[in-house]
All heavy atoms as atom14 arrays in JSON, in Angstrom:
{
  "sequence": "EFVAAISWSGGNTYYADSVKGRFTISRDNAKNTVYLQMNSLKPEDT",
  "atom14_mask": [
    [1, 1, 1, 1, 1, 1, 1, 1, 1, 0, 0, 0, 0, 0],
    [1, 1, 1, 1, 1, 1, 1, 1, 1, 1, 1, 0, 0, 0],
    [1, 1, 1, 1, 1, 1, 1, 0, 0, 0, 0, 0, 0, 0],
    [1, 1, 1, 1, 1, 0, 0, 0, 0, 0, 0, 0, 0, 0],
    [1, 1, 1, 1, 1, 0, 0, 0, 0, 0, 0, 0, 0, 0],
    [1, 1, 1, 1, 1, 1, 1, 1, 0, 0, 0, 0, 0, 0],
    [1, 1, 1, 1, 1, 1, 0, 0, 0, 0, 0, 0, 0, 0],
    [1, 1, 1, 1, 1, 1, 1, 1, 1, 1, 1, 1, 1, 1],
    [1, 1, 1, 1, 1, 1, 0, 0, 0, 0, 0, 0, 0, 0],
    [1, 1, 1, 1, 0, 0, 0, 0, 0, 0, 0, 0, 0, 0],
    [1, 1, 1, 1, 0, 0, 0, 0, 0, 0, 0, 0, 0, 0],
    [1, 1, 1, 1, 1, 1, 1, 1, 0, 0, 0, 0, 0, 0],
    [1, 1, 1, 1, 1, 1, 1, 0, 0, 0, 0, 0, 0, 0],
    [1, 1, 1, 1, 1, 1, 1, 1, 1, 1, 1, 1, 0, 0],
    [1, 1, 1, 1, 1, 1, 1, 1, 1, 1, 1, 1, 0, 0],
    [1, 1, 1, 1, 1, 0, 0, 0, 0, 0, 0, 0, 0, 0],
    [1, 1, 1, 1, 1, 1, 1, 1, 0, 0, 0, 0, 0, 0],
    [1, 1, 1, 1, 1, 1, 0, 0, 0, 0, 0, 0, 0, 0],
    [1, 1, 1, 1, 1, 1, 1, 0, 0, 0, 0, 0, 0, 0],
    [1, 1, 1, 1, 1, 1, 1, 1, 1, 0, 0, 0, 0, 0],
    [1, 1, 1, 1, 0, 0, 0, 0, 0, 0, 0, 0, 0, 0],
    [1, 1, 1, 1, 1, 1, 1, 1, 1, 1, 1, 0, 0, 0],
    [1, 1, 1, 1, 1, 1, 1, 1, 1, 1, 1, 0, 0, 0],
    [1, 1, 1, 1, 1, 1, 1, 0, 0, 0, 0, 0, 0, 0],
    [1, 1, 1, 1, 1, 1, 1, 1, 0, 0, 0, 0, 0, 0],
    [1, 1, 1, 1, 1, 1, 0, 0, 0, 0, 0, 0, 0, 0],
    [1, 1, 1, 1, 1, 1, 1, 1, 1, 1, 1, 0, 0, 0],
    [1, 1, 1, 1, 1, 1, 1, 1, 0, 0, 0, 0, 0, 0],
    [1, 1, 1, 1, 1, 1, 1, 1, 0, 0, 0, 0, 0, 0],
    [1, 1, 1, 1, 1, 0, 0, 0, 0, 0, 0, 0, 0, 0],
    [1, 1, 1, 1, 1, 1, 1, 1, 1, 0, 0, 0, 0, 0],
    [1, 1, 1, 1, 1, 1, 1, 1, 0, 0, 0, 0, 0, 0],
    [1, 1, 1, 1, 1, 1, 1, 0, 0, 0, 0, 0, 0, 0],
    [1, 1, 1, 1, 1, 1, 1, 0, 0, 0, 0, 0, 0, 0],
    [1, 1, 1, 1, 1, 1, 1, 1, 1, 1, 1, 1, 0, 0],
    [1, 1, 1, 1, 1, 1, 1, 1, 0, 0, 0, 0, 0, 0],
    [1, 1, 1, 1, 1, 1, 1, 1, 1, 0, 0, 0, 0, 0],
    [1, 1, 1, 1, 1, 1, 1, 1, 0, 0, 0, 0, 0, 0],
    [1, 1, 1, 1, 1, 1, 1, 1, 0, 0, 0, 0, 0, 0],
    [1, 1, 1, 1, 1, 1, 0, 0, 0, 0, 0, 0, 0, 0],
    [1, 1, 1, 1, 1, 1, 1, 1, 0, 0, 0, 0, 0, 0],
    [1, 1, 1, 1, 1, 1, 1, 1, 1, 0, 0, 0, 0, 0],
    [1, 1, 1, 1, 1, 1, 1, 0, 0, 0, 0, 0, 0, 0],
    [1, 1, 1, 1, 1, 1, 1, 1, 1, 0, 0, 0, 0, 0],
    [1, 1, 1, 1, 1, 1, 1, 1, 0, 0, 0, 0, 0, 0],
    [1, 1, 1, 1, 1, 1, 1, 0, 0, 0, 0, 0, 0, 0]
  ],
  "atom14_positions": [
    [[116.23, 78.38, 95.35], [115.81, 79.3, 96.49], [114.33, 79.31, 96.59], [113.57, 79.35, 95.56], [116.42, 80.66, 96.33], [115.94, 81.49, 95.18], [116.53, 82.8, 95.13], [117.13, 83.28, 96.17], [116.26, 83.53, 94.13], [0.0, 0.0, 0.0], [0.0, 0.0, 0.0], [0.0, 0.0, 0.0], [0.0, 0.0, 0.0], [0.0, 0.0, 0.0]],
    [[113.88, 79.51, 97.85], [112.46, 79.73, 98.08], [111.94, 81.03, 97.59], [112.69, 82.07, 97.6], [112.26, 79.59, 99.6], [110.96, 80.1, 100.11], [109.83, 79.24, 99.9], [110.76, 81.35, 100.75], [108.52, 79.73, 100.33], [109.54, 81.69, 101.12], [108.37, 80.83, 100.96], [0.0, 0.0, 0.0], [0.0, 0.0, 0.0], [0.0, 0.0, 0.0]],
    [[110.7, 81.0, 97.1], [110.14, 82.32, 96.63], [108.85, 82.55, 97.48], [108.76, 83.73, 97.97], [109.7, 82.17, 95.12], [108.96, 83.38, 94.71], [110.97, 82.0, 94.33], [0.0, 0.0, 0.0], [0.0, 0.0, 0.0], [0.0, 0.0, 0.0], [0.0, 0.0, 0.0], [0.0, 0.0, 0.0], [0.0, 0.0, 0.0], [0.0, 0.0, 0.0]],
    [[107.87, 81.76, 97.48], [106.63, 81.94, 98.24], [105.97, 80.64, 98.56], [106.24, 79.64, 97.87], [105.71, 82.85, 97.28], [0.0, 0.0, 0.0], [0.0, 0.0, 0.0], [0.0, 0.0, 0.0], [0.0, 0.0, 0.0], [0.0, 0.0, 0.0], [0.0, 0.0, 0.0], [0.0, 0.0, 0.0], [0.0, 0.0, 0.0], [0.0, 0.0, 0.0]],
    [[105.13, 80.69, 99.64], [104.35, 79.53, 100.02], [103.02, 79.91, 100.46], [102.75, 81.09, 100.92], [105.08, 78.84, 101.15], [0.0, 0.0, 0.0], [0.0, 0.0, 0.0], [0.0, 0.0, 0.0], [0.0, 0.0, 0.0], [0.0, 0.0, 0.0], [0.0, 0.0, 0.0], [0.0, 0.0, 0.0], [0.0, 0.0, 0.0], [0.0, 0.0, 0.0]],
    [[102.05, 78.92, 100.37], [100.66, 79.23, 100.76], [100.03, 78.0, 101.39], [100.29, 76.88, 101.06], [99.96, 79.66, 99.52], [98.57, 80.13, 99.94], [99.87, 78.57, 98.53], [97.75, 80.84, 98.69], [0.0, 0.0, 0.0], [0.0, 0.0, 0.0], [0.0, 0.0, 0.0], [0.0, 0.0, 0.0], [0.0, 0.0, 0.0], [0.0, 0.0, 0.0]],
    [[99.28, 78.26, 102.48], [98.49, 77.08, 103.12], [97.32, 76.65, 102.18], [96.97, 77.31, 101.18], [97.97, 77.59, 104.54], [97.1, 78.75, 104.3], [0.0, 0.0, 0.0], [0.0, 0.0, 0.0], [0.0, 0.0, 0.0], [0.0, 0.0, 0.0], [0.0, 0.0, 0.0], [0.0, 0.0, 0.0], [0.0, 0.0, 0.0], [0.0, 0.0, 0.0]],
    [[96.75, 75.55, 102.63], [95.63, 74.93, 101.85], [94.5, 75.95, 101.71], [94.01, 76.12, 100.52], [95.16, 73.7, 102.64], [93.83, 73.22, 102.06], [92.6, 73.21, 102.68], [93.67, 72.52, 100.83], [91.68, 72.61, 101.95], [92.28, 72.22, 100.8], [94.39, 72.23, 99.77], [91.67, 71.53, 99.64], [93.87, 71.54, 98.66], [92.52, 71.26, 98.66]],
    [[94.14, 76.71, 102.86], [93.05, 77.56, 102.68], [93.39, 78.9, 102.01], [92.47, 79.61, 101.51], [92.55, 77.87, 104.05], [93.42, 78.65, 104.81], [0.0, 0.0, 0.0], [0.0, 0.0, 0.0], [0.0, 0.0, 0.0], [0.0, 0.0, 0.0], [0.0, 0.0, 0.0], [0.0, 0.0, 0.0], [0.0, 0.0, 0.0], [0.0, 0.0, 0.0]],
    [[94.64, 79.16, 101.82], [95.04, 80.37, 101.26], [95.15, 81.45, 102.32], [95.57, 82.64, 101.92], [0.0, 0.0, 0.0], [0.0, 0.0, 0.0], [0.0, 0.0, 0.0], [0.0, 0.0, 0.0], [0.0, 0.0, 0.0], [0.0, 0.0, 0.0], [0.0, 0.0, 0.0], [0.0, 0.0, 0.0], [0.0, 0.0, 0.0], [0.0, 0.0, 0.0]],
    [[94.86, 81.14, 103.55], [94.84, 82.2, 104.6], [96.19, 82.58, 105.15], [96.38, 83.6, 105.82], [0.0, 0.0, 0.0], [0.0, 0.0, 0.0], [0.0, 0.0, 0.0], [0.0, 0.0, 0.0], [0.0, 0.0, 0.0], [0.0, 0.0, 0.0], [0.0, 0.0, 0.0], [0.0, 0.0, 0.0], [0.0, 0.0, 0.0], [0.0, 0.0, 0.0]],
    [[97.23, 81.74, 104.82], [98.63, 81.98, 105.39], [99.38, 81.91, 104.16], [99.56, 81.0, 103.45], [98.95, 80.94, 106.42], [100.21, 81.29, 107.14], [100.64, 82.4, 107.12], [100.71, 80.28, 107.92], [0.0, 0.0, 0.0], [0.0, 0.0, 0.0], [0.0, 0.0, 0.0], [0.0, 0.0, 0.0], [0.0, 0.0, 0.0], [0.0, 0.0, 0.0]],
    [[100.25, 83.09, 104.06], [101.27, 83.12, 102.99], [102.51, 83.62, 103.47], [102.62, 84.23, 104.59], [100.82, 83.99, 101.85], [100.6, 85.45, 102.31], [99.55, 83.55, 101.16], [0.0, 0.0, 0.0], [0.0, 0.0, 0.0], [0.0, 0.0, 0.0], [0.0, 0.0, 0.0], [0.0, 0.0, 0.0], [0.0, 0.0, 0.0], [0.0, 0.0, 0.0]],
    [[103.61, 83.32, 102.82], [104.98, 83.6, 103.21], [105.84, 83.91, 101.93], [105.7, 83.09, 101.07], [105.62, 82.4, 104.02], [106.95, 82.78, 104.66], [107.13, 83.86, 105.56], [108.0, 82.05, 104.26], [108.41, 84.15, 106.06], [109.31, 82.36, 104.77], [109.5, 83.37, 105.63], [110.75, 83.66, 106.22], [0.0, 0.0, 0.0], [0.0, 0.0, 0.0]],
    [[106.58, 84.96, 102.05], [107.47, 85.32, 100.89], [108.91, 85.55, 101.2], [109.23, 85.95, 102.37], [106.97, 86.6, 100.42], [105.49, 86.6, 99.88], [104.41, 86.81, 100.64], [105.2, 86.27, 98.56], [103.17, 86.94, 100.19], [103.91, 86.17, 98.1], [102.86, 86.49, 98.9], [101.62, 86.54, 98.39], [0.0, 0.0, 0.0], [0.0, 0.0, 0.0]],
    [[109.68, 85.15, 100.34], [111.21, 85.62, 100.41], [111.3, 87.07, 100.45], [110.56, 87.83, 99.71], [111.99, 85.02, 99.35], [0.0, 0.0, 0.0], [0.0, 0.0, 0.0], [0.0, 0.0, 0.0], [0.0, 0.0, 0.0], [0.0, 0.0, 0.0], [0.0, 0.0, 0.0], [0.0, 0.0, 0.0], [0.0, 0.0, 0.0], [0.0, 0.0, 0.0]],
    [[112.23, 87.63, 101.15], [112.45, 89.09, 101.27], [112.63, 89.67, 99.88], [112.19, 90.78, 99.62], [113.58, 89.47, 102.18], [113.22, 89.2, 103.65], [112.04, 89.13, 104.04], [114.23, 89.08, 104.45], [0.0, 0.0, 0.0], [0.0, 0.0, 0.0], [0.0, 0.0, 0.0], [0.0, 0.0, 0.0], [0.0, 0.0, 0.0], [0.0, 0.0, 0.0]],
    [[113.29, 88.94, 98.97], [113.68, 89.43, 97.72], [112.5, 89.7, 96.91], [112.53, 90.46, 95.84], [114.73, 88.55, 96.94], [113.99, 87.21, 96.81], [0.0, 0.0, 0.0], [0.0, 0.0, 0.0], [0.0, 0.0, 0.0], [0.0, 0.0, 0.0], [0.0, 0.0, 0.0], [0.0, 0.0, 0.0], [0.0, 0.0, 0.0], [0.0, 0.0, 0.0]],
    [[111.36, 89.08, 97.06], [110.12, 89.25, 96.28], [108.96, 89.86, 96.95], [107.96, 90.21, 96.32], [109.67, 87.93, 95.62], [110.83, 87.25, 94.87], [109.04, 86.96, 96.77], [0.0, 0.0, 0.0], [0.0, 0.0, 0.0], [0.0, 0.0, 0.0], [0.0, 0.0, 0.0], [0.0, 0.0, 0.0], [0.0, 0.0, 0.0], [0.0, 0.0, 0.0]],
    [[109.12, 90.13, 98.24], [108.0, 90.73, 99.08], [107.55, 92.08, 98.55], [108.3, 92.94, 98.27], [108.4, 90.75, 100.55], [107.26, 91.02, 101.5], [107.8, 90.94, 102.96], [108.32, 89.64, 103.23], [108.85, 89.42, 104.71], [0.0, 0.0, 0.0], [0.0, 0.0, 0.0], [0.0, 0.0, 0.0], [0.0, 0.0, 0.0], [0.0, 0.0, 0.0]],
    [[106.31, 92.2, 98.38], [105.73, 93.45, 97.78], [105.65, 93.44, 96.3], [104.91, 94.37, 95.76], [0.0, 0.0, 0.0], [0.0, 0.0, 0.0], [0.0, 0.0, 0.0], [0.0, 0.0, 0.0], [0.0, 0.0, 0.0], [0.0, 0.0, 0.0], [0.0, 0.0, 0.0], [0.0, 0.0, 0.0], [0.0, 0.0, 0.0], [0.0, 0.0, 0.0]],
    [[106.26, 92.53, 95.58], [106.22, 92.46, 94.26], [105.48, 91.27, 93.7], [104.77, 91.3, 92.66], [107.67, 92.4, 93.55], [108.38, 93.69, 93.92], [109.79, 93.64, 93.12], [110.58, 92.57, 93.54], [111.05, 91.73, 92.61], [110.63, 91.73, 91.32], [111.83, 90.75, 93.03], [0.0, 0.0, 0.0], [0.0, 0.0, 0.0], [0.0, 0.0, 0.0]],
    [[105.64, 90.11, 94.41], [105.04, 88.77, 93.98], [103.86, 88.56, 94.94], [103.86, 88.8, 96.16], [105.98, 87.7, 94.11], [107.02, 87.72, 93.04], [107.34, 88.83, 92.28], [107.86, 86.6, 92.88], [108.29, 88.88, 91.35], [108.91, 86.57, 92.04], [109.2, 87.71, 91.22], [0.0, 0.0, 0.0], [0.0, 0.0, 0.0], [0.0, 0.0, 0.0]],
    [[102.82, 87.83, 94.39], [101.67, 87.42, 95.17], [101.3, 85.96, 94.9], [101.18, 85.62, 93.67], [100.42, 88.35, 94.95], [100.75, 89.61, 95.18], [99.35, 87.81, 95.82], [0.0, 0.0, 0.0], [0.0, 0.0, 0.0], [0.0, 0.0, 0.0], [0.0, 0.0, 0.0], [0.0, 0.0, 0.0], [0.0, 0.0, 0.0], [0.0, 0.0, 0.0]],
    [[101.33, 85.17, 95.96], [100.99, 83.72, 95.67], [99.47, 83.6, 96.09], [98.95, 84.13, 97.01], [101.81, 82.73, 96.61], [101.4, 81.29, 96.09], [101.62, 83.03, 97.96], [102.53, 80.36, 96.74], [0.0, 0.0, 0.0], [0.0, 0.0, 0.0], [0.0, 0.0, 0.0], [0.0, 0.0, 0.0], [0.0, 0.0, 0.0], [0.0, 0.0, 0.0]],
    [[98.76, 82.82, 95.29], [97.39, 82.55, 95.49], [96.86, 81.2, 95.05], [97.73, 80.46, 94.37], [96.43, 83.69, 94.97], [96.61, 83.56, 93.49], [0.0, 0.0, 0.0], [0.0, 0.0, 0.0], [0.0, 0.0, 0.0], [0.0, 0.0, 0.0], [0.0, 0.0, 0.0], [0.0, 0.0, 0.0], [0.0, 0.0, 0.0], [0.0, 0.0, 0.0]],
    [[95.74, 80.75, 95.35], [95.31, 79.57, 94.94], [93.75, 79.37, 94.71], [93.05, 80.14, 95.42], [95.74, 78.36, 95.82], [95.07, 78.27, 97.21], [95.86, 77.39, 98.17], [95.84, 75.9, 97.75], [96.77, 75.04, 98.05], [97.57, 75.38, 99.15], [96.73, 73.86, 97.58], [0.0, 0.0, 0.0], [0.0, 0.0, 0.0], [0.0, 0.0, 0.0]],
    [[93.35, 78.52, 93.81], [91.87, 78.35, 93.59], [91.8, 76.83, 93.65], [91.98, 76.11, 92.66], [91.48, 78.8, 92.25], [90.03, 78.66, 92.03], [89.34, 77.95, 92.69], [89.42, 79.39, 91.25], [0.0, 0.0, 0.0], [0.0, 0.0, 0.0], [0.0, 0.0, 0.0], [0.0, 0.0, 0.0], [0.0, 0.0, 0.0], [0.0, 0.0, 0.0]],
    [[91.46, 76.33, 94.82], [91.32, 74.88, 95.02], [90.3, 74.2, 94.14], [90.36, 72.99, 93.75], [91.08, 74.48, 96.49], [92.38, 74.81, 97.31], [93.44, 74.89, 96.75], [92.13, 75.04, 98.59], [0.0, 0.0, 0.0], [0.0, 0.0, 0.0], [0.0, 0.0, 0.0], [0.0, 0.0, 0.0], [0.0, 0.0, 0.0], [0.0, 0.0, 0.0]],
    [[89.26, 74.9, 93.77], [88.16, 74.42, 92.92], [88.7, 74.1, 91.51], [88.18, 73.18, 90.81], [86.99, 75.33, 92.82], [0.0, 0.0, 0.0], [0.0, 0.0, 0.0], [0.0, 0.0, 0.0], [0.0, 0.0, 0.0], [0.0, 0.0, 0.0], [0.0, 0.0, 0.0], [0.0, 0.0, 0.0], [0.0, 0.0, 0.0], [0.0, 0.0, 0.0]],
    [[89.78, 74.89, 91.18], [90.37, 74.65, 89.88], [91.68, 73.87, 90.04], [92.49, 73.61, 89.06], [90.7, 75.99, 89.19], [89.5, 76.76, 88.9], [89.91, 78.11, 88.22], [88.71, 78.9, 87.84], [87.84, 78.24, 86.8], [0.0, 0.0, 0.0], [0.0, 0.0, 0.0], [0.0, 0.0, 0.0], [0.0, 0.0, 0.0], [0.0, 0.0, 0.0]],
    [[92.14, 73.46, 91.33], [93.36, 72.69, 91.48], [94.53, 73.45, 91.0], [95.39, 72.85, 90.34], [93.2, 71.27, 90.97], [92.14, 70.5, 91.46], [91.96, 70.48, 92.67], [91.46, 69.68, 90.6], [0.0, 0.0, 0.0], [0.0, 0.0, 0.0], [0.0, 0.0, 0.0], [0.0, 0.0, 0.0], [0.0, 0.0, 0.0], [0.0, 0.0, 0.0]],
    [[94.55, 74.69, 91.23], [95.61, 75.56, 90.71], [96.15, 76.47, 91.6], [95.4, 77.15, 92.36], [95.09, 76.27, 89.51], [94.68, 75.34, 88.43], [96.18, 77.13, 88.84], [0.0, 0.0, 0.0], [0.0, 0.0, 0.0], [0.0, 0.0, 0.0], [0.0, 0.0, 0.0], [0.0, 0.0, 0.0], [0.0, 0.0, 0.0], [0.0, 0.0, 0.0]],
    [[97.49, 76.63, 91.64], [98.19, 77.65, 92.45], [98.85, 78.61, 91.48], [99.29, 78.27, 90.38], [99.26, 77.02, 93.41], [100.09, 78.05, 94.16], [98.6, 75.9, 94.3], [0.0, 0.0, 0.0], [0.0, 0.0, 0.0], [0.0, 0.0, 0.0], [0.0, 0.0, 0.0], [0.0, 0.0, 0.0], [0.0, 0.0, 0.0], [0.0, 0.0, 0.0]],
    [[98.82, 79.82, 91.86], [99.26, 80.98, 91.01], [100.46, 81.77, 91.68], [100.54, 81.83, 92.89], [98.19, 81.96, 90.71], [96.96, 81.32, 90.1], [95.88, 81.05, 90.8], [96.92, 81.13, 88.71], [94.7, 80.51, 90.32], [95.81, 80.59, 88.17], [94.69, 80.21, 88.94], [93.55, 79.65, 88.39], [0.0, 0.0, 0.0], [0.0, 0.0, 0.0]],
    [[101.19, 82.36, 90.89], [102.29, 83.3, 91.26], [102.23, 84.46, 90.37], [102.56, 84.46, 89.23], [103.67, 82.69, 91.32], [104.72, 83.66, 91.93], [104.55, 83.78, 93.49], [106.11, 83.02, 91.71], [0.0, 0.0, 0.0], [0.0, 0.0, 0.0], [0.0, 0.0, 0.0], [0.0, 0.0, 0.0], [0.0, 0.0, 0.0], [0.0, 0.0, 0.0]],
    [[101.62, 85.57, 90.88], [101.61, 86.78, 90.19], [102.93, 87.62, 90.46], [103.23, 87.88, 91.56], [100.41, 87.67, 90.63], [100.26, 89.06, 89.89], [100.0, 88.98, 88.46], [99.2, 88.22, 88.0], [100.76, 89.64, 87.7], [0.0, 0.0, 0.0], [0.0, 0.0, 0.0], [0.0, 0.0, 0.0], [0.0, 0.0, 0.0], [0.0, 0.0, 0.0]],
    [[103.61, 87.9, 89.41], [105.0, 88.53, 89.47], [104.87, 89.89, 88.84], [104.61, 90.03, 87.66], [106.01, 87.63, 88.9], [106.06, 86.33, 89.42], [107.5, 85.26, 88.65], [106.97, 85.26, 87.02], [0.0, 0.0, 0.0], [0.0, 0.0, 0.0], [0.0, 0.0, 0.0], [0.0, 0.0, 0.0], [0.0, 0.0, 0.0], [0.0, 0.0, 0.0]],
    [[105.0, 91.01, 89.66], [104.98, 92.35, 89.16], [106.38, 92.97, 89.36], [107.19, 92.52, 90.18], [103.95, 93.15, 89.9], [102.57, 92.6, 89.65], [102.14, 92.12, 88.62], [101.66, 92.77, 90.72], [0.0, 0.0, 0.0], [0.0, 0.0, 0.0], [0.0, 0.0, 0.0], [0.0, 0.0, 0.0], [0.0, 0.0, 0.0], [0.0, 0.0, 0.0]],
    [[106.65, 94.07, 88.67], [107.86, 94.85, 88.82], [109.09, 93.95, 88.67], [110.01, 93.98, 89.51], [107.85, 95.63, 90.07], [106.76, 96.51, 90.24], [0.0, 0.0, 0.0], [0.0, 0.0, 0.0], [0.0, 0.0, 0.0], [0.0, 0.0, 0.0], [0.0, 0.0, 0.0], [0.0, 0.0, 0.0], [0.0, 0.0, 0.0], [0.0, 0.0, 0.0]],
    [[109.07, 93.17, 87.66], [110.05, 92.14, 87.51], [111.5, 92.76, 87.24], [111.52, 93.79, 86.46], [109.81, 91.21, 86.41], [108.72, 90.05, 86.71], [108.12, 89.5, 85.49], [109.35, 89.06, 87.63], [0.0, 0.0, 0.0], [0.0, 0.0, 0.0], [0.0, 0.0, 0.0], [0.0, 0.0, 0.0], [0.0, 0.0, 0.0], [0.0, 0.0, 0.0]],
    [[112.48, 92.17, 87.75], [113.88, 92.53, 87.64], [114.72, 91.48, 86.91], [114.42, 90.36, 86.95], [114.43, 92.81, 88.91], [113.67, 93.8, 89.84], [114.18, 93.92, 91.28], [113.55, 94.76, 92.15], [114.09, 94.89, 93.54], [0.0, 0.0, 0.0], [0.0, 0.0, 0.0], [0.0, 0.0, 0.0], [0.0, 0.0, 0.0], [0.0, 0.0, 0.0]],
    [[115.78, 91.92, 86.21], [116.66, 90.92, 85.63], [117.06, 89.79, 86.59], [117.26, 88.63, 86.19], [117.85, 91.66, 85.14], [117.29, 93.01, 84.87], [116.22, 93.32, 85.95], [0.0, 0.0, 0.0], [0.0, 0.0, 0.0], [0.0, 0.0, 0.0], [0.0, 0.0, 0.0], [0.0, 0.0, 0.0], [0.0, 0.0, 0.0], [0.0, 0.0, 0.0]],
    [[117.24, 90.11, 87.81], [117.73, 89.11, 88.77], [116.61, 88.13, 89.14], [116.85, 87.08, 89.88], [118.27, 89.75, 90.18], [117.34, 90.88, 90.7], [117.68, 92.27, 90.36], [117.96, 92.45, 89.11], [117.77, 93.16, 91.19], [0.0, 0.0, 0.0], [0.0, 0.0, 0.0], [0.0, 0.0, 0.0], [0.0, 0.0, 0.0], [0.0, 0.0, 0.0]],
    [[115.39, 88.27, 88.68], [114.36, 87.36, 88.81], [114.4, 86.16, 87.79], [113.71, 85.25, 87.88], [112.9, 88.05, 88.74], [112.69, 89.04, 89.84], [113.03, 88.72, 90.97], [112.13, 90.07, 89.65], [0.0, 0.0, 0.0], [0.0, 0.0, 0.0], [0.0, 0.0, 0.0], [0.0, 0.0, 0.0], [0.0, 0.0, 0.0], [0.0, 0.0, 0.0]],
    [[115.24, 86.37, 86.79], [115.42, 85.37, 85.75], [115.8, 84.05, 86.37], [116.84, 84.0, 87.15], [116.5, 85.81, 84.78], [116.04, 86.93, 84.1], [116.69, 84.74, 83.78], [0.0, 0.0, 0.0], [0.0, 0.0, 0.0], [0.0, 0.0, 0.0], [0.0, 0.0, 0.0], [0.0, 0.0, 0.0], [0.0, 0.0, 0.0], [0.0, 0.0, 0.0]]
  ]
}
């Protein structure tokens, strides 16, 4: 299932309803890295 997506610039993001408000997607193109910060984790996130 889909969780989150981000555009190249990072200016556009989209989240599944199940994680909205808890997860944050970001990226650092200089480091060639995309991140997913997950807060308030629930067992159903396993």
